[in-house]
């Protein structure tokens, strides 16, 4: 009787082990990215910061809330968050005077990112204002 129970226990243990291995293979396998929507949203805090800065740069009135929100939504549709962070970083570092900002003013990569962001901001302004 004990021998029979032991055999059933071993069989159940083997089945359990193989089922766990199959689950690990499925979870660690490559996923089909066509099923996953590749949208990358900007964080809400980043959007709010942009809208506040946009409102301050304009008449600082509530009429600009919708226009500034439209502008950041347009930018979000055109670029990823990482690209936006890189562009905003370059734009803010270009405002520093002196030797420290030369790298952000004169390198071809920084100049391209800066001009692309300027063009995108102009497009957003034409679209929303």
Protein backbone atom coordinates (compact mmCIF):
# COMPACT_ATOMS: atom_id res chain seq x y z
CA UNK A 1 0.00 0.00 0.00
CA UNK A 2 2.80 2.44 0.91
CA UNK A 3 4.59 1.53 -2.31
CA UNK A 4 1.46 2.44 -4.35
CA UNK A 5 1.07 5.80 -2.60
CA UNK A 6 4.75 6.53 -3.14
CA UNK A 7 4.42 5.82 -6.91
CA UNK A 8 1.40 8.16 -7.19
CA UNK A 9 3.26 10.83 -5.28
CA UNK A 10 6.30 10.54 -7.59
CA UNK A 11 4.06 10.70 -10.69
CA UNK A 12 2.29 13.82 -9.40
CA UNK A 13 5.60 15.42 -8.56
CA UNK A 14 6.91 14.76 -12.08
CA UNK A 15 3.74 16.17 -13.67
CA UNK A 16 3.92 19.24 -11.46
CA UNK A 17 7.60 19.79 -12.32
CA UNK A 18 6.98 19.57 -16.07
CA UNK A 19 4.01 21.93 -15.91
CA UNK A 20 6.12 24.51 -14.05
CA UNK A 21 8.90 24.23 -16.65
CA UNK A 22 6.40 24.82 -19.47
CA UNK A 23 5.06 27.92 -17.74
CA UNK A 24 8.59 29.29 -17.29
CA UNK A 25 9.38 28.71 -20.98
CA UNK A 26 6.19 30.49 -22.02
CA UNK A 27 6.83 33.47 -19.75
CA UNK A 28 10.51 33.82 -20.70
CA UNK A 29 9.95 33.33 -24.41
CA UNK A 30 9.79 36.16 -26.86
CA UNK A 31 6.49 37.92 -27.10
CA UNK A 32 4.86 38.96 -30.31
CA UNK A 33 5.06 42.74 -30.29
CA UNK A 34 2.36 43.07 -32.92
CA UNK A 35 -0.25 42.31 -30.26
CA UNK A 36 1.11 44.93 -27.88
CA UNK A 37 0.25 48.53 -28.59
CA UNK A 38 3.50 50.46 -28.56
CA UNK A 39 2.19 53.76 -27.24
CA UNK A 40 4.39 55.52 -24.81
CA UNK A 41 2.52 58.18 -22.89
CA UNK A 42 4.15 61.18 -21.33
CA UNK A 43 3.83 61.27 -17.54
CA UNK A 44 1.01 63.48 -16.30
CA UNK A 45 3.39 65.60 -14.24
CA UNK A 46 5.43 66.34 -17.36
CA UNK A 47 2.31 67.39 -19.25
CA UNK A 48 1.19 69.65 -16.41
CA UNK A 49 4.63 71.26 -16.20
CA UNK A 50 4.53 71.94 -19.95
CA UNK A 51 1.02 73.43 -19.76
CA UNK A 52 1.98 75.72 -16.83
CA UNK A 53 5.10 76.92 -18.65
CA UNK A 54 3.10 77.45 -21.82
CA UNK A 55 0.46 79.44 -19.95
CA UNK A 56 3.13 81.62 -18.30
CA UNK A 57 4.69 82.30 -21.68
CA UNK A 58 1.35 83.48 -23.02
CA UNK A 59 -1.32 85.54 -21.28
CA UNK A 60 -1.42 83.26 -18.23
CA UNK A 61 -5.18 82.93 -18.62
CA UNK A 62 -7.49 79.96 -18.54
CA UNK A 63 -8.16 80.37 -22.23
CA UNK A 64 -4.70 78.95 -22.86
CA UNK A 65 -5.26 75.75 -20.88
CA UNK A 66 -6.93 74.03 -23.81
CA UNK A 67 -4.43 75.44 -26.32
CA UNK A 68 -1.39 74.43 -24.28
CA UNK A 69 -2.87 70.99 -23.57
CA UNK A 70 -3.46 70.54 -27.28
CA UNK A 71 0.15 71.51 -27.92
CA UNK A 72 1.66 68.89 -25.58
CA UNK A 73 -0.73 66.27 -26.95
CA UNK A 74 0.44 67.09 -30.47
CA UNK A 75 4.07 66.77 -29.37
CA UNK A 76 3.28 63.47 -27.66
CA UNK A 77 1.83 62.11 -30.90
CA UNK A 78 4.95 63.07 -32.83
CA UNK A 79 7.75 61.80 -30.59
CA UNK A 80 8.52 59.35 -27.81
CA UNK A 81 9.01 60.44 -24.23
CA UNK A 82 12.75 59.70 -24.37
CA UNK A 83 13.11 61.91 -27.45
CA UNK A 84 11.13 64.65 -25.70
CA UNK A 85 13.33 64.49 -22.59
CA UNK A 86 16.48 64.67 -24.73
CA UNK A 87 15.13 67.64 -26.69
CA UNK A 88 13.98 69.50 -23.58
CA UNK A 89 17.36 68.88 -21.94
CA UNK A 90 19.24 70.25 -24.92
CA UNK A 91 16.90 73.25 -25.16
CA UNK A 92 17.39 74.13 -21.50
CA UNK A 93 21.17 73.58 -21.56
CA UNK A 94 21.52 75.80 -24.63
CA UNK A 95 20.27 78.71 -22.51
CA UNK A 96 23.37 78.57 -20.31
CA UNK A 97 25.97 81.15 -21.32
CA UNK A 98 29.62 80.41 -21.59
CA UNK A 99 31.87 77.50 -22.19
CA UNK A 100 29.60 74.93 -20.52
CA UNK A 101 26.93 75.16 -23.20
CA UNK A 102 29.20 74.92 -26.25
CA UNK A 103 28.69 71.16 -26.47
CA UNK A 104 24.93 71.68 -26.65
CA UNK A 105 25.16 74.46 -29.21
CA UNK A 106 27.74 73.29 -31.73
CA UNK A 107 27.59 69.52 -32.02
CA UNK A 108 25.69 68.24 -35.07
CA UNK A 109 23.53 65.86 -33.03
CA UNK A 110 22.46 68.57 -30.57
CA UNK A 111 21.81 71.02 -33.40
CA UNK A 112 19.59 68.47 -35.18
CA UNK A 113 17.63 67.66 -32.01
CA UNK A 114 17.22 71.37 -31.30
CA UNK A 115 16.01 72.23 -34.80
CA UNK A 116 13.65 69.23 -34.87
CA UNK A 117 12.14 70.33 -31.56
CA UNK A 118 11.80 73.92 -32.76
CA UNK A 119 10.01 72.69 -35.89
CA UNK A 120 7.73 70.48 -33.83
CA UNK A 121 6.88 73.34 -31.48
CA UNK A 122 6.04 75.52 -34.49
CA UNK A 123 3.82 72.78 -35.90
CA UNK A 124 2.08 72.40 -32.53
CA UNK A 125 1.52 76.13 -32.36
CA UNK A 126 0.00 76.21 -35.86
CA UNK A 127 -2.19 73.23 -35.00
CA UNK A 128 -3.45 74.41 -31.62
CA UNK A 129 -3.27 78.20 -31.40
